[in-house]
Amino acid sequence: MNKAGLIEHIARVADLSHAAAERALDAFVAAVKTSLKQGSDVTLAGFGTFYVAERKARRGRNPRTGEAIAIAAARVPRFRAGKALRDALN
């Protein structure tokens, strides 16, 4: 499912207009981005937790030339599924 499909689903299930569902989804995504940027986790009980992980600097290799390159350290977003979500899939 992509963003358009998710908006359609939200609009249908929540009985919202397409525009209102899109604004709601955009607001949710913006809130998650803002919280992660500030270093806070976003936890949705029964669904999961969005959090930031630190990735260390490392050496890589250019696949085209085989030349060694340095890959900088980075902060990356991660998602850990909650128990209810995991149980729903099994």
C-alpha atoms as a PDB file:
ATOM      1  CA  MET A   1       0.000   0.000   0.000  1.00  0.00           C
ATOM      2  CA  ASN A   2       1.310   3.419  -0.916  1.00  0.00           C
ATOM      3  CA  LYS A   3       0.374   6.864   0.419  1.00  0.00           C
ATOM      4  CA  ALA A   4      -2.608   7.271  -1.922  1.00  0.00           C
ATOM      5  CA  GLY A   5      -3.988   3.879  -0.907  1.00  0.00           C
ATOM      6  CA  LEU A   6      -3.521   4.685   2.760  1.00  0.00           C
ATOM      7  CA  ILE A   7      -5.343   8.008   2.348  1.00  0.00           C
ATOM      8  CA  GLU A   8      -8.241   6.247   0.611  1.00  0.00           C
ATOM      9  CA  HIS A   9      -8.440   3.680   3.402  1.00  0.00           C
ATOM     10  CA  ILE A  10      -8.378   6.339   6.143  1.00  0.00           C
ATOM     11  CA  ALA A  11     -11.065   8.375   4.342  1.00  0.00           C
ATOM     12  CA  ARG A  12     -13.328   5.346   3.956  1.00  0.00           C
ATOM     13  CA  VAL A  13     -12.899   3.877   7.458  1.00  0.00           C
ATOM     14  CA  ALA A  14     -12.989   7.189   9.363  1.00  0.00           C
ATOM     15  CA  ASP A  15     -15.765   8.629   7.146  1.00  0.00           C
ATOM     16  CA  LEU A  16     -13.625  11.636   6.206  1.00  0.00           C
ATOM     17  CA  SER A  17     -13.198  13.510   2.965  1.00  0.00           C
ATOM     18  CA  HIS A  18     -10.164  12.620   0.885  1.00  0.00           C
ATOM     19  CA  ALA A  19      -8.618  16.041   1.635  1.00  0.00           C
ATOM     20  CA  ALA A  20      -9.182  15.696   5.399  1.00  0.00           C
ATOM     21  CA  ALA A  21      -7.668  12.201   5.419  1.00  0.00           C
ATOM     22  CA  GLU A  22      -4.628  13.476   3.512  1.00  0.00           C
ATOM     23  CA  ARG A  23      -4.161  16.364   5.975  1.00  0.00           C
ATOM     24  CA  ALA A  24      -4.449  13.951   8.901  1.00  0.00           C
ATOM     25  CA  LEU A  25      -1.841  11.596   7.447  1.00  0.00           C
ATOM     26  CA  ASP A  26       0.494  14.498   6.622  1.00  0.00           C
ATOM     27  CA  ALA A  27       0.096  15.832  10.179  1.00  0.00           C
ATOM     28  CA  PHE A  28       0.939  12.403  11.620  1.00  0.00           C
ATOM     29  CA  VAL A  29       4.054  12.058   9.458  1.00  0.00           C
ATOM     30  CA  ALA A  30       5.167  15.594  10.362  1.00  0.00           C
ATOM     31  CA  ALA A  31       4.675  14.890  14.080  1.00  0.00           C
ATOM     32  CA  VAL A  32       6.764  11.704  13.865  1.00  0.00           C
ATOM     33  CA  LYS A  33       9.547  13.516  11.963  1.00  0.00           C
ATOM     34  CA  THR A  34       9.603  16.380  14.471  1.00  0.00           C
ATOM     35  CA  SER A  35       9.717  14.065  17.476  1.00  0.00           C
ATOM     36  CA  LEU A  36      12.495  11.909  16.009  1.00  0.00           C
ATOM     37  CA  LYS A  37      14.505  14.983  15.048  1.00  0.00           C
ATOM     38  CA  GLN A  38      14.281  16.191  18.668  1.00  0.00           C
ATOM     39  CA  GLY A  39      15.473  12.795  19.901  1.00  0.00           C
ATOM     40  CA  SER A  40      12.125  11.548  21.242  1.00  0.00           C
ATOM     41  CA  ASP A  41      10.608   8.162  20.480  1.00  0.00           C
ATOM     42  CA  VAL A  42       7.048   7.900  19.162  1.00  0.00           C
ATOM     43  CA  THR A  43       5.173   4.985  20.734  1.00  0.00           C
ATOM     44  CA  LEU A  44       1.733   3.853  19.593  1.00  0.00           C
ATOM     45  CA  ALA A  45       0.452   1.232  22.047  1.00  0.00           C
ATOM     46  CA  GLY A  46      -0.370  -1.995  20.248  1.00  0.00           C
ATOM     47  CA  PHE A  47       1.248  -0.816  17.015  1.00  0.00           C
ATOM     48  CA  GLY A  48       4.911  -0.058  17.634  1.00  0.00           C
ATOM     49  CA  THR A  49       7.644   2.463  18.292  1.00  0.00           C
ATOM     50  CA  PHE A  50       9.479   4.798  15.933  1.00  0.00           C
ATOM     51  CA  TYR A  51      12.964   5.655  17.224  1.00  0.00           C
ATOM     52  CA  VAL A  52      16.346   6.963  16.081  1.00  0.00           C
ATOM     53  CA  ALA A  53      19.387   4.687  15.917  1.00  0.00           C
ATOM     54  CA  GLU A  54      23.001   5.761  15.565  1.00  0.00           C
ATOM     55  CA  ARG A  55      24.910   4.133  12.718  1.00  0.00           C
ATOM     56  CA  LYS A  56      28.689   4.216  13.126  1.00  0.00           C
ATOM     57  CA  ALA A  57      31.084   5.360  10.443  1.00  0.00           C
ATOM     58  CA  ARG A  58      32.411   2.495   8.378  1.00  0.00           C
ATOM     59  CA  ARG A  59      34.467   1.600   5.346  1.00  0.00           C
ATOM     60  CA  GLY A  60      32.653   0.644   2.166  1.00  0.00           C
ATOM     61  CA  ARG A  61      33.563  -0.276  -1.350  1.00  0.00           C
ATOM     62  CA  ASN A  62      32.449   1.368  -4.586  1.00  0.00           C
ATOM     63  CA  PRO A  63      30.870  -1.538  -6.500  1.00  0.00           C
ATOM     64  CA  ARG A  64      31.735  -0.030  -9.869  1.00  0.00           C
ATOM     65  CA  THR A  65      35.457   0.598  -9.282  1.00  0.00           C
ATOM     66  CA  GLY A  66      36.205  -1.524  -6.225  1.00  0.00           C
ATOM     67  CA  GLU A  67      37.734   1.537  -4.564  1.00  0.00           C
ATOM     68  CA  ALA A  68      37.458   1.775  -0.765  1.00  0.00           C
ATOM     69  CA  ILE A  69      35.343   4.683   0.467  1.00  0.00           C
ATOM     70  CA  ALA A  70      34.513   6.152   3.865  1.00  0.00           C
ATOM     71  CA  ILE A  71      30.832   6.113   4.861  1.00  0.00           C
ATOM     72  CA  ALA A  72      30.022   8.750   7.476  1.00  0.00           C
ATOM     73  CA  ALA A  73      28.178   8.070  10.728  1.00  0.00           C
ATOM     74  CA  ALA A  74      24.447   8.789  10.547  1.00  0.00           C
ATOM     75  CA  ARG A  75      21.282   8.934  12.590  1.00  0.00           C
ATOM     76  CA  VAL A  76      18.653   6.689  10.984  1.00  0.00           C
ATOM     77  CA  PRO A  77      14.950   6.161  11.736  1.00  0.00           C
ATOM     78  CA  ARG A  78      13.873   2.697  12.870  1.00  0.00           C
ATOM     79  CA  PHE A  79      10.567   1.029  13.699  1.00  0.00           C
ATOM     80  CA  ARG A  80      10.023  -1.711  16.274  1.00  0.00           C
ATOM     81  CA  ALA A  81       6.658  -3.476  15.895  1.00  0.00           C
ATOM     82  CA  GLY A  82       4.516  -3.862  19.023  1.00  0.00           C
ATOM     83  CA  LYS A  83       3.261  -7.184  20.321  1.00  0.00           C
ATOM     84  CA  ALA A  84      -0.313  -6.665  19.077  1.00  0.00           C
ATOM     85  CA  LEU A  85       0.936  -5.959  15.542  1.00  0.00           C
ATOM     86  CA  ARG A  86       3.230  -8.987  15.566  1.00  0.00           C
ATOM     87  CA  ASP A  87       0.401 -11.185  16.881  1.00  0.00           C
ATOM     88  CA  ALA A  88      -1.988  -9.901  14.180  1.00  0.00           C
ATOM     89  CA  LEU A  89       0.421 -11.111  11.501  1.00  0.00           C
ATOM     90  CA  ASN A  90       0.842 -14.623  12.897  1.00  0.00           C
END
